[in-house]
Each structure stands twice: as C-alpha cells, then as structure tokens.
Amino acid sequence: MKRNLNFACNIGTMFGPSESLMERLQNVKSAGFESIEMAFPYTWSLEQWKEALLENPLSVQLINTPLGEKGEFGFAATPNHRETFLDGVRMGIKYCKALKCPRLHIMAGPAAWAIQQLKF
C-alpha cells in the first residue's frame, strides 16, 4: 500500500520571529507547504489565526500546550501545578478545535520531581 507523505512546516523554527503571523503563513505557502505545525500558537489570538489562515489556506497539524511564563516547559510532570496544567490543556483544546488541528502535544515540564520519586 502506497502512502503519500505530507510534510508540515514548523513556522516557529523555519520562519523568524520578526515576521508577523500573516508573513509567516505567506512564506510557508510560497515554499510549497500545505500543512503547518506551530508549537506555541498563543502569541496570536484565535481571530488573528483565523484571518491569517483564511488568507493563506493551510492545514494546522500540531500545537503544544503552553510552556508557562518562566520557561517551565509545561506542567504535566509537576504535581503542584495541576490546575495550571489543566488550564493549559483547556486552552490547547480550544485552539485545536478552532483551528481544526488534530494533535495537541502535552508539554511535560521538568522531570526533576519524577526522577526524585524513583527508587533503585
């Protein structure tokens, strides 16, 4: 059975932070991509996303849950941040639904707590 590959462009790494969302999506289209992933889409409102995607039709394939404000890299592995984690999941689901994105990557956060729980 043959399968066609569908490459998704990571607009956070392939196109610079100095570009606006609209410019990034225009550059993605110009480069020939049909799909994108954006690890952290929360810089822009859903309205901005919808407008930019209406102008530049692309399929959003993946986003991450929020990192946190102090570089925590997520909260799934930190038990004392349960509500922050759940709030991030809710926000991620909201963005996924609005952008018709089928994948939400859960950012675990630092593993220090989990490693401390290990007993050898």
PDB file of N, CA and C in Angstrom:
ATOM      1  N   MET A   1       0.840  -1.179   0.000  1.00  0.00           N
ATOM      2  CA  MET A   1       0.000   0.000   0.000  1.00  0.00           C
ATOM      3  C   MET A   1       0.889   1.248   0.000  1.00  0.00           C
ATOM      4  N   LYS A   2       0.648   2.127  -0.939  1.00  0.00           N
ATOM      5  CA  LYS A   2       1.410   3.371  -1.025  1.00  0.00           C
ATOM      6  C   LYS A   2       0.788   4.427  -0.132  1.00  0.00           C
ATOM      7  N   ARG A   3       1.637   5.208   0.499  1.00  0.00           N
ATOM      8  CA  ARG A   3       1.170   6.338   1.304  1.00  0.00           C
ATOM      9  C   ARG A   3       1.890   7.589   0.831  1.00  0.00           C
ATOM     10  N   ASN A   4       1.167   8.647   0.698  1.00  0.00           N
ATOM     11  CA  ASN A   4       1.773   9.922   0.356  1.00  0.00           C
ATOM     12  C   ASN A   4       2.242  10.609   1.632  1.00  0.00           C
ATOM     13  N   LEU A   5       3.433  11.156   1.591  1.00  0.00           N
ATOM     14  CA  LEU A   5       3.938  11.910   2.728  1.00  0.00           C
ATOM     15  C   LEU A   5       3.376  13.319   2.696  1.00  0.00           C
ATOM     16  N   ASN A   6       3.037  13.821   3.847  1.00  0.00           N
ATOM     17  CA  ASN A   6       2.539  15.183   3.977  1.00  0.00           C
ATOM     18  C   ASN A   6       3.443  15.886   4.988  1.00  0.00           C
ATOM     19  N   PHE A   7       4.318  16.727   4.507  1.00  0.00           N
ATOM     20  CA  PHE A   7       5.239  17.436   5.387  1.00  0.00           C
ATOM     21  C   PHE A   7       4.580  18.682   5.961  1.00  0.00           C
ATOM     22  N   ALA A   8       4.759  18.879   7.247  1.00  0.00           N
ATOM     23  CA  ALA A   8       4.251  20.081   7.906  1.00  0.00           C
ATOM     24  C   ALA A   8       5.436  20.969   8.265  1.00  0.00           C
ATOM     25  N   CYS A   9       5.341  22.208   7.916  1.00  0.00           N
ATOM     26  CA  CYS A   9       6.379  23.187   8.198  1.00  0.00           C
ATOM     27  C   CYS A   9       6.187  23.735   9.618  1.00  0.00           C
ATOM     28  N   ASN A  10       7.233  23.721  10.429  1.00  0.00           N
ATOM     29  CA  ASN A  10       7.171  24.326  11.760  1.00  0.00           C
ATOM     30  C   ASN A  10       7.432  25.818  11.587  1.00  0.00           C
ATOM     31  N   ILE A  11       6.379  26.610  11.716  1.00  0.00           N
ATOM     32  CA  ILE A  11       6.529  28.040  11.434  1.00  0.00           C
ATOM     33  C   ILE A  11       7.256  28.782  12.550  1.00  0.00           C
ATOM     34  N   GLY A  12       7.448  28.142  13.683  1.00  0.00           N
ATOM     35  CA  GLY A  12       8.202  28.769  14.758  1.00  0.00           C
ATOM     36  C   GLY A  12       9.698  28.666  14.555  1.00  0.00           C
ATOM     37  N   THR A  13      10.140  27.616  13.856  1.00  0.00           N
ATOM     38  CA  THR A  13      11.576  27.428  13.656  1.00  0.00           C
ATOM     39  C   THR A  13      12.033  27.761  12.236  1.00  0.00           C
ATOM     40  N   MET A  14      11.169  27.538  11.249  1.00  0.00           N
ATOM     41  CA  MET A  14      11.591  27.768   9.869  1.00  0.00           C
ATOM     42  C   MET A  14      11.475  29.223   9.431  1.00  0.00           C
ATOM     43  N   PHE A  15      10.625  29.965  10.109  1.00  0.00           N
ATOM     44  CA  PHE A  15      10.449  31.366   9.739  1.00  0.00           C
ATOM     45  C   PHE A  15      10.609  32.214  10.987  1.00  0.00           C
ATOM     46  N   GLY A  16      11.388  33.271  10.859  1.00  0.00           N
ATOM     47  CA  GLY A  16      11.831  34.055  12.004  1.00  0.00           C
ATOM     48  C   GLY A  16      10.766  34.742  12.819  1.00  0.00           C
ATOM     49  N   PRO A  17      11.104  34.987  14.073  1.00  0.00           N
ATOM     50  CA  PRO A  17      10.167  35.651  14.977  1.00  0.00           C
ATOM     51  C   PRO A  17       9.883  37.108  14.597  1.00  0.00           C
ATOM     52  N   SER A  18      10.700  37.671  13.724  1.00  0.00           N
ATOM     53  CA  SER A  18      10.462  39.063  13.328  1.00  0.00           C
ATOM     54  C   SER A  18       9.306  39.172  12.334  1.00  0.00           C
ATOM     55  N   GLU A  19       8.911  38.046  11.756  1.00  0.00           N
ATOM     56  CA  GLU A  19       7.821  38.069  10.787  1.00  0.00           C
ATOM     57  C   GLU A  19       6.478  38.011  11.519  1.00  0.00           C
ATOM     58  N   SER A  20       5.516  38.689  10.966  1.00  0.00           N
ATOM     59  CA  SER A  20       4.160  38.605  11.520  1.00  0.00           C
ATOM     60  C   SER A  20       3.583  37.234  11.182  1.00  0.00           C
ATOM     61  N   LEU A  21       2.483  36.883  11.813  1.00  0.00           N
ATOM     62  CA  LEU A  21       1.824  35.611  11.513  1.00  0.00           C
ATOM     63  C   LEU A  21       1.450  35.546  10.040  1.00  0.00           C
ATOM     64  N   MET A  22       0.902  36.621   9.514  1.00  0.00           N
ATOM     65  CA  MET A  22       0.489  36.660   8.111  1.00  0.00           C
ATOM     66  C   MET A  22       1.697  36.426   7.195  1.00  0.00           C
ATOM     67  N   GLU A  23       2.824  37.104   7.504  1.00  0.00           N
ATOM     68  CA  GLU A  23       4.035  36.932   6.688  1.00  0.00           C
ATOM     69  C   GLU A  23       4.554  35.501   6.763  1.00  0.00           C
ATOM     70  N   ARG A  24       4.528  34.919   7.957  1.00  0.00           N
ATOM     71  CA  ARG A  24       4.990  33.540   8.100  1.00  0.00           C
ATOM     72  C   ARG A  24       4.155  32.601   7.231  1.00  0.00           C
ATOM     73  N   LEU A  25       2.831  32.747   7.299  1.00  0.00           N
ATOM     74  CA  LEU A  25       1.974  31.846   6.531  1.00  0.00           C
ATOM     75  C   LEU A  25       2.121  32.072   5.029  1.00  0.00           C
ATOM     76  N   GLN A  26       2.317  33.318   4.617  1.00  0.00           N
ATOM     77  CA  GLN A  26       2.567  33.602   3.197  1.00  0.00           C
ATOM     78  C   GLN A  26       3.861  32.922   2.749  1.00  0.00           C
ATOM     79  N   ASN A  27       4.891  32.980   3.592  1.00  0.00           N
ATOM     80  CA  ASN A  27       6.175  32.348   3.257  1.00  0.00           C
ATOM     81  C   ASN A  27       6.053  30.828   3.210  1.00  0.00           C
ATOM     82  N   VAL A  28       5.257  30.263   4.097  1.00  0.00           N
ATOM     83  CA  VAL A  28       5.018  28.818   4.086  1.00  0.00           C
ATOM     84  C   VAL A  28       4.365  28.409   2.772  1.00  0.00           C
ATOM     85  N   LYS A  29       3.330  29.146   2.374  1.00  0.00           N
ATOM     86  CA  LYS A  29       2.644  28.849   1.106  1.00  0.00           C
ATOM     87  C   LYS A  29       3.613  28.988  -0.066  1.00  0.00           C
ATOM     88  N   SER A  30       4.415  30.050  -0.055  1.00  0.00           N
ATOM     89  CA  SER A  30       5.377  30.274  -1.140  1.00  0.00           C
ATOM     90  C   SER A  30       6.411  29.156  -1.217  1.00  0.00           C
ATOM     91  N   ALA A  31       6.735  28.558  -0.068  1.00  0.00           N
ATOM     92  CA  ALA A  31       7.705  27.461  -0.036  1.00  0.00           C
ATOM     93  C   ALA A  31       7.096  26.132  -0.475  1.00  0.00           C
ATOM     94  N   GLY A  32       5.778  26.126  -0.700  1.00  0.00           N
ATOM     95  CA  GLY A  32       5.128  24.934  -1.227  1.00  0.00           C
ATOM     96  C   GLY A  32       4.505  24.005  -0.195  1.00  0.00           C
ATOM     97  N   PHE A  33       4.477  24.411   1.063  1.00  0.00           N
ATOM     98  CA  PHE A  33       3.861  23.571   2.090  1.00  0.00           C
ATOM     99  C   PHE A  33       2.346  23.736   2.090  1.00  0.00           C
ATOM    100  N   GLU A  34       1.671  22.676   2.517  1.00  0.00           N
ATOM    101  CA  GLU A  34       0.212  22.714   2.661  1.00  0.00           C
ATOM    102  C   GLU A  34      -0.215  22.591   4.114  1.00  0.00           C
ATOM    103  N   SER A  35       0.727  22.176   4.973  1.00  0.00           N
ATOM    104  CA  SER A  35       0.433  21.951   6.384  1.00  0.00           C
ATOM    105  C   SER A  35       1.473  22.645   7.254  1.00  0.00           C
ATOM    106  N   ILE A  36       1.032  23.019   8.454  1.00  0.00           N
ATOM    107  CA  ILE A  36       1.954  23.653   9.392  1.00  0.00           C
ATOM    108  C   ILE A  36       1.812  23.026  10.781  1.00  0.00           C
ATOM    109  N   GLU A  37       2.848  23.210  11.563  1.00  0.00           N
ATOM    110  CA  GLU A  37       2.755  22.985  12.996  1.00  0.00           C
ATOM    111  C   GLU A  37       3.289  24.249  13.643  1.00  0.00           C
ATOM    112  N   MET A  38       2.699  24.581  14.750  1.00  0.00           N
ATOM    113  CA  MET A  38       3.136  25.758  15.496  1.00  0.00           C
ATOM    114  C   MET A  38       3.148  25.358  16.954  1.00  0.00           C
ATOM    115  N   ALA A  39       4.342  25.183  17.471  1.00  0.00           N
ATOM    116  CA  ALA A  39       4.476  24.688  18.838  1.00  0.00           C
ATOM    117  C   ALA A  39       3.714  25.559  19.833  1.00  0.00           C
ATOM    118  N   PHE A  40       3.796  26.843  19.671  1.00  0.00           N
ATOM    119  CA  PHE A  40       3.196  27.740  20.657  1.00  0.00           C
ATOM    120  C   PHE A  40       2.404  28.834  19.949  1.00  0.00           C
ATOM    121  N   PRO A  41       1.152  28.537  19.626  1.00  0.00           N
ATOM    122  CA  PRO A  41       0.341  29.464  18.834  1.00  0.00           C
ATOM    123  C   PRO A  41      -0.263  30.605  19.644  1.00  0.00           C
ATOM    124  N   TYR A  42      -0.048  30.610  20.949  1.00  0.00           N
ATOM    125  CA  TYR A  42      -0.794  31.505  21.838  1.00  0.00           C
ATOM    126  C   TYR A  42      -0.324  32.955  21.786  1.00  0.00           C
ATOM    127  N   THR A  43       0.717  33.223  21.031  1.00  0.00           N
ATOM    128  CA  THR A  43       1.174  34.599  20.815  1.00  0.00           C
ATOM    129  C   THR A  43       0.100  35.398  20.086  1.00  0.00           C
ATOM    130  N   TRP A  44      -0.682  34.686  19.271  1.00  0.00           N
ATOM    131  CA  TRP A  44      -1.723  35.325  18.472  1.00  0.00           C
ATOM    132  C   TRP A  44      -3.098  34.861  18.925  1.00  0.00           C
ATOM    133  N   SER A  45      -4.053  35.739  18.819  1.00  0.00           N
ATOM    134  CA  SER A  45      -5.434  35.399  19.183  1.00  0.00           C
ATOM    135  C   SER A  45      -6.014  34.450  18.140  1.00  0.00           C
ATOM    136  N   LEU A  46      -7.089  33.797  18.506  1.00  0.00           N
ATOM    137  CA  LEU A  46      -7.765  32.926  17.539  1.00  0.00           C
ATOM    138  C   LEU A  46      -8.285  33.721  16.349  1.00  0.00           C
ATOM    139  N   GLU A  47      -8.708  34.952  16.592  1.00  0.00           N
ATOM    140  CA  GLU A  47      -9.174  35.799  15.490  1.00  0.00           C
ATOM    141  C   GLU A  47      -8.045  36.067  14.499  1.00  0.00           C
ATOM    142  N   GLN A  48      -6.842  36.343  15.019  1.00  0.00           N
ATOM    143  CA  GLN A  48      -5.691  36.570  14.133  1.00  0.00           C
ATOM    144  C   GLN A  48      -5.365  35.309  13.338  1.00  0.00           C
ATOM    145  N   TRP A  49      -5.417  34.159  14.000  1.00  0.00           N
ATOM    146  CA  TRP A  49      -5.174  32.895  13.312  1.00  0.00           C
ATOM    147  C   TRP A  49      -6.191  32.669  12.205  1.00  0.00           C
ATOM    148  N   LYS A  50      -7.447  32.848  12.533  1.00  0.00           N
ATOM    149  CA  LYS A  50      -8.498  32.598  11.541  1.00  0.00           C
ATOM    150  C   LYS A  50      -8.338  33.507  10.328  1.00  0.00           C
ATOM    151  N   GLU A  51      -8.045  34.768  10.570  1.00  0.00           N
ATOM    152  CA  GLU A  51      -7.841  35.706   9.466  1.00  0.00           C
ATOM    153  C   GLU A  51      -6.639  35.298   8.611  1.00  0.00           C
ATOM    154  N   ALA A  52      -5.538  34.964   9.260  1.00  0.00           N
ATOM    155  CA  ALA A  52      -4.327  34.583   8.528  1.00  0.00           C
ATOM    156  C   ALA A  52      -4.528  33.292   7.738  1.00  0.00           C
ATOM    157  N   LEU A  53      -5.254  32.324   8.317  1.00  0.00           N
ATOM    158  CA  LEU A  53      -5.498  31.060   7.614  1.00  0.00           C
ATOM    159  C   LEU A  53      -6.533  31.211   6.502  1.00  0.00           C
ATOM    160  N   LEU A  54      -7.435  32.161   6.642  1.00  0.00           N
ATOM    161  CA  LEU A  54      -8.394  32.439   5.581  1.00  0.00           C
ATOM    162  C   LEU A  54      -7.657  33.005   4.366  1.00  0.00           C
ATOM    163  N   GLU A  55      -6.697  33.856   4.636  1.00  0.00           N
ATOM    164  CA  GLU A  55      -5.883  34.475   3.578  1.00  0.00           C
ATOM    165  C   GLU A  55      -4.873  33.478   2.983  1.00  0.00           C
ATOM    166  N   ASN A  56      -4.396  32.565   3.805  1.00  0.00           N
ATOM    167  CA  ASN A  56      -3.379  31.579   3.410  1.00  0.00           C
ATOM    168  C   ASN A  56      -3.852  30.192   3.839  1.00  0.00           C
ATOM    169  N   PRO A  57      -4.681  29.542   3.053  1.00  0.00           N
ATOM    170  CA  PRO A  57      -5.252  28.259   3.478  1.00  0.00           C
ATOM    171  C   PRO A  57      -4.174  27.191   3.697  1.00  0.00           C
ATOM    172  N   LEU A  58      -4.012  26.814   4.948  1.00  0.00           N
ATOM    173  CA  LEU A  58      -3.062  25.782   5.347  1.00  0.00           C
ATOM    174  C   LEU A  58      -3.728  24.913   6.409  1.00  0.00           C
ATOM    175  N   SER A  59      -3.295  23.685   6.477  1.00  0.00           N
ATOM    176  CA  SER A  59      -3.797  22.757   7.478  1.00  0.00           C
ATOM    177  C   SER A  59      -2.887  22.822   8.703  1.00  0.00           C
ATOM    178  N   VAL A  60      -3.463  23.088   9.872  1.00  0.00           N
ATOM    179  CA  VAL A  60      -2.684  23.101  11.116  1.00  0.00           C
ATOM    180  C   VAL A  60      -2.675  21.678  11.652  1.00  0.00           C
ATOM    181  N   GLN A  61      -1.481  21.091  11.812  1.00  0.00           N
ATOM    182  CA  GLN A  61      -1.357  19.685  12.184  1.00  0.00           C
ATOM    183  C   GLN A  61      -0.981  19.442  13.639  1.00  0.00           C
ATOM    184  N   LEU A  62      -0.346  20.410  14.300  1.00  0.00           N
ATOM    185  CA  LEU A  62       0.115  20.179  15.669  1.00  0.00           C
ATOM    186  C   LEU A  62       0.338  21.499  16.387  1.00  0.00           C
ATOM    187  N   ILE A  63      -0.100  21.541  17.645  1.00  0.00           N
ATOM    188  CA  ILE A  63       0.282  22.615  18.553  1.00  0.00           C
ATOM    189  C   ILE A  63       0.618  21.972  19.897  1.00  0.00           C
ATOM    190  N   ASN A  64       1.332  22.702  20.736  1.00  0.00           N
ATOM    191  CA  ASN A  64       1.703  22.237  22.078  1.00  0.00           C
ATOM    192  C   ASN A  64       0.841  22.925  23.123  1.00  0.00           C
ATOM    193  N   THR A  65       0.766  22.316  24.292  1.00  0.00           N
ATOM    194  CA  THR A  65       0.174  23.025  25.417  1.00  0.00           C
ATOM    195  C   THR A  65       1.146  24.135  25.820  1.00  0.00           C
ATOM    196  N   PRO A  66       0.685  25.154  26.535  1.00  0.00           N
ATOM    197  CA  PRO A  66       1.563  26.264  26.904  1.00  0.00           C
ATOM    198  C   PRO A  66       2.760  25.821  27.757  1.00  0.00           C
ATOM    199  N   LEU A  67       3.860  26.549  27.593  1.00  0.00           N
ATOM    200  CA  LEU A  67       5.084  26.278  28.346  1.00  0.00           C
ATOM    201  C   LEU A  67       5.013  26.782  29.776  1.00  0.00           C
ATOM    202  N   GLY A  68       4.385  27.910  29.953  1.00  0.00           N
ATOM    203  CA  GLY A  68       4.439  28.623  31.219  1.00  0.00           C
ATOM    204  C   GLY A  68       5.166  29.930  30.992  1.00  0.00           C
ATOM    205  N   GLU A  69       5.115  30.797  31.961  1.00  0.00           N
ATOM    206  CA  GLU A  69       5.686  32.131  31.781  1.00  0.00           C
ATOM    207  C   GLU A  69       7.166  32.209  32.138  1.00  0.00           C
ATOM    208  N   LYS A  70       7.668  31.249  32.898  1.00  0.00           N
ATOM    209  CA  LYS A  70       9.050  31.317  33.360  1.00  0.00           C
ATOM    210  C   LYS A  70       9.897  30.186  32.789  1.00  0.00           C
ATOM    211  N   GLY A  71       9.556  29.718  31.608  1.00  0.00           N
ATOM    212  CA  GLY A  71      10.329  28.661  30.971  1.00  0.00           C
ATOM    213  C   GLY A  71      10.193  27.307  31.632  1.00  0.00           C
ATOM    214  N   GLU A  72       9.007  27.014  32.172  1.00  0.00           N
ATOM    215  CA  GLU A  72       8.808  25.744  32.863  1.00  0.00           C
ATOM    216  C   GLU A  72       8.728  24.538  31.912  1.00  0.00           C
ATOM    217  N   PHE A  73       8.510  24.762  30.639  1.00  0.00           N
ATOM    218  CA  PHE A  73       8.390  23.705  29.637  1.00  0.00           C
ATOM    219  C   PHE A  73       7.207  22.780  29.903  1.00  0.00           C
ATOM    220  N   GLY A  74       6.135  23.345  30.421  1.00  0.00           N
ATOM    221  CA  GLY A  74       4.919  22.585  30.646  1.00  0.00           C
ATOM    222  C   GLY A  74       4.758  22.194  32.109  1.00  0.00           C
ATOM    223  N   PHE A  75       3.620  21.495  32.380  1.00  0.00           N
ATOM    224  CA  PHE A  75       3.274  21.220  33.782  1.00  0.00           C
ATOM    225  C   PHE A  75       2.768  19.806  34.040  1.00  0.00           C
ATOM    226  N   ALA A  76       2.766  18.933  33.046  1.00  0.00           N
ATOM    227  CA  ALA A  76       2.204  17.592  33.239  1.00  0.00           C
ATOM    228  C   ALA A  76       2.956  16.784  34.287  1.00  0.00           C
ATOM    229  N   ALA A  77       4.251  16.988  34.424  1.00  0.00           N
ATOM    230  CA  ALA A  77       5.066  16.199  35.364  1.00  0.00           C
ATOM    231  C   ALA A  77       5.247  16.876  36.717  1.00  0.00           C
ATOM    232  N   THR A  78       4.581  17.979  36.939  1.00  0.00           N
ATOM    233  CA  THR A  78       4.749  18.696  38.205  1.00  0.00           C
ATOM    234  C   THR A  78       3.433  18.679  38.972  1.00  0.00           C
ATOM    235  N   PRO A  79       3.340  17.826  39.991  1.00  0.00           N
ATOM    236  CA  PRO A  79       2.064  17.625  40.688  1.00  0.00           C
ATOM    237  C   PRO A  79       1.512  18.865  41.376  1.00  0.00           C
ATOM    238  N   ASN A  80       2.348  19.805  41.764  1.00  0.00           N
ATOM    239  CA  ASN A  80       1.844  21.004  42.442  1.00  0.00           C
ATOM    240  C   ASN A  80       1.349  22.073  41.465  1.00  0.00           C
ATOM    241  N   HIS A  81       1.298  21.743  40.178  1.00  0.00           N
ATOM    242  CA  HIS A  81       0.796  22.675  39.161  1.00  0.00           C
ATOM    243  C   HIS A  81      -0.379  22.067  38.395  1.00  0.00           C
ATOM    244  N   ARG A  82      -1.172  21.257  39.059  1.00  0.00           N
ATOM    245  CA  ARG A  82      -2.270  20.546  38.393  1.00  0.00           C
ATOM    246  C   ARG A  82      -3.239  21.496  37.688  1.00  0.00           C
ATOM    247  N   GLU A  83      -3.676  22.539  38.365  1.00  0.00           N
ATOM    248  CA  GLU A  83      -4.643  23.472  37.759  1.00  0.00           C
ATOM    249  C   GLU A  83      -4.027  24.229  36.589  1.00  0.00           C
ATOM    250  N   THR A  84      -2.767  24.601  36.710  1.00  0.00           N
ATOM    251  CA  THR A  84      -2.081  25.276  35.604  1.00  0.00           C
ATOM    252  C   THR A  84      -2.006  24.348  34.394  1.00  0.00           C
ATOM    253  N   PHE A  85      -1.689  23.079  34.659  1.00  0.00           N
ATOM    254  CA  PHE A  85      -1.651  22.085  33.591  1.00  0.00           C
ATOM    255  C   PHE A  85      -3.018  21.957  32.923  1.00  0.00           C
ATOM    256  N   LEU A  86      -4.070  21.799  33.732  1.00  0.00           N
ATOM    257  CA  LEU A  86      -5.422  21.641  33.176  1.00  0.00           C
ATOM    258  C   LEU A  86      -5.869  22.883  32.412  1.00  0.00           C
ATOM    259  N   ASP A  87      -5.518  24.065  32.911  1.00  0.00           N
ATOM    260  CA  ASP A  87      -5.838  25.302  32.185  1.00  0.00           C
ATOM    261  C   ASP A  87      -5.152  25.308  30.820  1.00  0.00           C
ATOM    262  N   GLY A  88      -3.896  24.861  30.771  1.00  0.00           N
ATOM    263  CA  GLY A  88      -3.161  24.796  29.510  1.00  0.00           C
ATOM    264  C   GLY A  88      -3.770  23.802  28.540  1.00  0.00           C
ATOM    265  N   VAL A  89      -4.214  22.662  29.065  1.00  0.00           N
ATOM    266  CA  VAL A  89      -4.873  21.662  28.213  1.00  0.00           C
ATOM    267  C   VAL A  89      -6.169  22.240  27.657  1.00  0.00           C
ATOM    268  N   ARG A  90      -6.932  22.913  28.505  1.00  0.00           N
ATOM    269  CA  ARG A  90      -8.186  23.535  28.030  1.00  0.00           C
ATOM    270  C   ARG A  90      -7.911  24.568  26.930  1.00  0.00           C
ATOM    271  N   MET A  91      -6.881  25.386  27.140  1.00  0.00           N
ATOM    272  CA  MET A  91      -6.542  26.383  26.127  1.00  0.00           C
ATOM    273  C   MET A  91      -6.101  25.696  24.835  1.00  0.00           C
ATOM    274  N   GLY A  92      -5.281  24.659  24.960  1.00  0.00           N
ATOM    275  CA  GLY A  92      -4.838  23.918  23.785  1.00  0.00           C
ATOM    276  C   GLY A  92      -5.994  23.312  23.017  1.00  0.00           C
ATOM    277  N   ILE A  93      -6.951  22.728  23.738  1.00  0.00           N
ATOM    278  CA  ILE A  93      -8.125  22.139  23.094  1.00  0.00           C
ATOM    279  C   ILE A  93      -8.939  23.219  22.390  1.00  0.00           C
ATOM    280  N   LYS A  94      -9.068  24.366  23.024  1.00  0.00           N
ATOM    281  CA  LYS A  94      -9.811  25.487  22.408  1.00  0.00           C
ATOM    282  C   LYS A  94      -9.164  25.878  21.080  1.00  0.00           C
ATOM    283  N   TYR A  95      -7.832  26.008  21.080  1.00  0.00           N
ATOM    284  CA  TYR A  95      -7.121  26.365  19.850  1.00  0.00           C
ATOM    285  C   TYR A  95      -7.233  25.251  18.815  1.00  0.00           C
ATOM    286  N   CYS A  96      -7.082  23.998  19.260  1.00  0.00           N
ATOM    287  CA  CYS A  96      -7.192  22.874  18.324  1.00  0.00           C
ATOM    288  C   CYS A  96      -8.556  22.848  17.644  1.00  0.00           C
ATOM    289  N   LYS A  97      -9.596  23.008  18.423  1.00  0.00           N
ATOM    290  CA  LYS A  97     -10.947  22.985  17.840  1.00  0.00           C
ATOM    291  C   LYS A  97     -11.132  24.131  16.855  1.00  0.00           C
ATOM    292  N   ALA A  98     -10.723  25.324  17.250  1.00  0.00           N
ATOM    293  CA  ALA A  98     -10.923  26.497  16.390  1.00  0.00           C
ATOM    294  C   ALA A  98     -10.105  26.416  15.103  1.00  0.00           C
ATOM    295  N   LEU A  99      -8.915  25.816  15.180  1.00  0.00           N
ATOM    296  CA  LEU A  99      -8.025  25.753  14.021  1.00  0.00           C
ATOM    297  C   LEU A  99      -8.117  24.416  13.287  1.00  0.00           C
ATOM    298  N   LYS A 100      -9.040  23.555  13.745  1.00  0.00           N
ATOM    299  CA  LYS A 100      -9.216  22.223  13.153  1.00  0.00           C
ATOM    300  C   LYS A 100      -7.908  21.434  13.171  1.00  0.00           C
ATOM    301  N   CYS A 101      -7.215  21.535  14.273  1.00  0.00           N
ATOM    302  CA  CYS A 101      -5.924  20.874  14.460  1.00  0.00           C
ATOM    303  C   CYS A 101      -6.153  19.531  15.160  1.00  0.00           C
ATOM    304  N   PRO A 102      -5.690  18.429  14.570  1.00  0.00           N
ATOM    305  CA  PRO A 102      -5.976  17.114  15.149  1.00  0.00           C
ATOM    306  C   PRO A 102      -5.031  16.677  16.277  1.00  0.00           C
ATOM    307  N   ARG A 103      -3.959  17.437  16.545  1.00  0.00           N
ATOM    308  CA  ARG A 103      -2.963  16.974  17.516  1.00  0.00           C
ATOM    309  C   ARG A 103      -2.581  18.070  18.515  1.00  0.00           C
ATOM    310  N   LEU A 104      -2.637  17.689  19.779  1.00  0.00           N
ATOM    311  CA  LEU A 104      -2.193  18.570  20.863  1.00  0.00           C
ATOM    312  C   LEU A 104      -1.101  17.838  21.626  1.00  0.00           C
ATOM    313  N   HIS A 105       0.100  18.381  21.584  1.00  0.00           N
ATOM    314  CA  HIS A 105       1.247  17.787  22.285  1.00  0.00           C
ATOM    315  C   HIS A 105       1.273  18.317  23.713  1.00  0.00           C
ATOM    316  N   ILE A 106       1.306  17.404  24.680  1.00  0.00           N
ATOM    317  CA  ILE A 106       1.336  17.791  26.087  1.00  0.00           C
ATOM    318  C   ILE A 106       2.781  18.030  26.505  1.00  0.00           C
ATOM    319  N   MET A 107       3.067  19.254  26.949  1.00  0.00           N
ATOM    320  CA  MET A 107       4.402  19.591  27.438  1.00  0.00           C
ATOM    321  C   MET A 107       4.517  19.121  28.887  1.00  0.00           C
ATOM    322  N   ALA A 108       5.456  18.239  29.152  1.00  0.00           N
ATOM    323  CA  ALA A 108       5.559  17.582  30.465  1.00  0.00           C
ATOM    324  C   ALA A 108       6.135  18.483  31.545  1.00  0.00           C
ATOM    325  N   GLY A 109       7.046  19.350  31.185  1.00  0.00           N
ATOM    326  CA  GLY A 109       7.723  20.147  32.199  1.00  0.00           C
ATOM    327  C   GLY A 109       8.950  19.424  32.702  1.00  0.00           C
ATOM    328  N   PRO A 110       9.617  20.005  33.681  1.00  0.00           N
ATOM    329  CA  PRO A 110      10.856  19.396  34.184  1.00  0.00           C
ATOM    330  C   PRO A 110      10.568  18.063  34.871  1.00  0.00           C
ATOM    331  N   ALA A 111      11.437  17.121  34.672  1.00  0.00           N
ATOM    332  CA  ALA A 111      11.242  15.786  35.225  1.00  0.00           C
ATOM    333  C   ALA A 111      11.884  15.630  36.606  1.00  0.00           C
ATOM    334  N   ALA A 112      12.390  16.691  37.185  1.00  0.00           N
ATOM    335  CA  ALA A 112      13.103  16.583  38.466  1.00  0.00           C
ATOM    336  C   ALA A 112      12.254  15.914  39.538  1.00  0.00           C
ATOM    337  N   TRP A 113      10.987  16.289  39.648  1.00  0.00           N
ATOM    338  CA  TRP A 113      10.118  15.695  40.655  1.00  0.00           C
ATOM    339  C   TRP A 113       9.969  14.196  40.414  1.00  0.00           C
ATOM    340  N   ALA A 114       9.708  13.810  39.164  1.00  0.00           N
ATOM    341  CA  ALA A 114       9.522  12.398  38.842  1.00  0.00           C
ATOM    342  C   ALA A 114      10.797  11.599  39.108  1.00  0.00           C
ATOM    343  N   ILE A 115      11.943  12.166  38.769  1.00  0.00           N
ATOM    344  CA  ILE A 115      13.215  11.470  38.993  1.00  0.00           C
ATOM    345  C   ILE A 115      13.458  11.273  40.490  1.00  0.00           C
ATOM    346  N   GLN A 116      13.109  12.252  41.297  1.00  0.00           N
ATOM    347  CA  GLN A 116      13.293  12.132  42.741  1.00  0.00           C
ATOM    348  C   GLN A 116      12.426  11.019  43.333  1.00  0.00           C
ATOM    349  N   GLN A 117      11.321  10.697  42.666  1.00  0.00           N
ATOM    350  CA  GLN A 117      10.416   9.663  43.174  1.00  0.00           C
ATOM    351  C   GLN A 117      10.915   8.245  42.878  1.00  0.00           C
ATOM    352  N   LEU A 118      11.846   8.133  41.951  1.00  0.00           N
ATOM    353  CA  LEU A 118      12.378   6.810  41.582  1.00  0.00           C
ATOM    354  C   LEU A 118      13.201   6.232  42.719  1.00  0.00           C
ATOM    355  N   LYS A 119      13.035   4.953  42.962  1.00  0.00           N
ATOM    356  CA  LYS A 119      13.813   4.281  43.988  1.00  0.00           C
ATOM    357  C   LYS A 119      14.477   3.074  43.351  1.00  0.00           C
ATOM    358  N   PHE A 120      15.774   2.998  43.468  1.00  0.00           N
ATOM    359  CA  PHE A 120      16.519   1.878  42.894  1.00  0.00           C
ATOM    360  C   PHE A 120      16.966   0.937  43.993  1.00  0.00           C
TER     361      PHE A 120
END
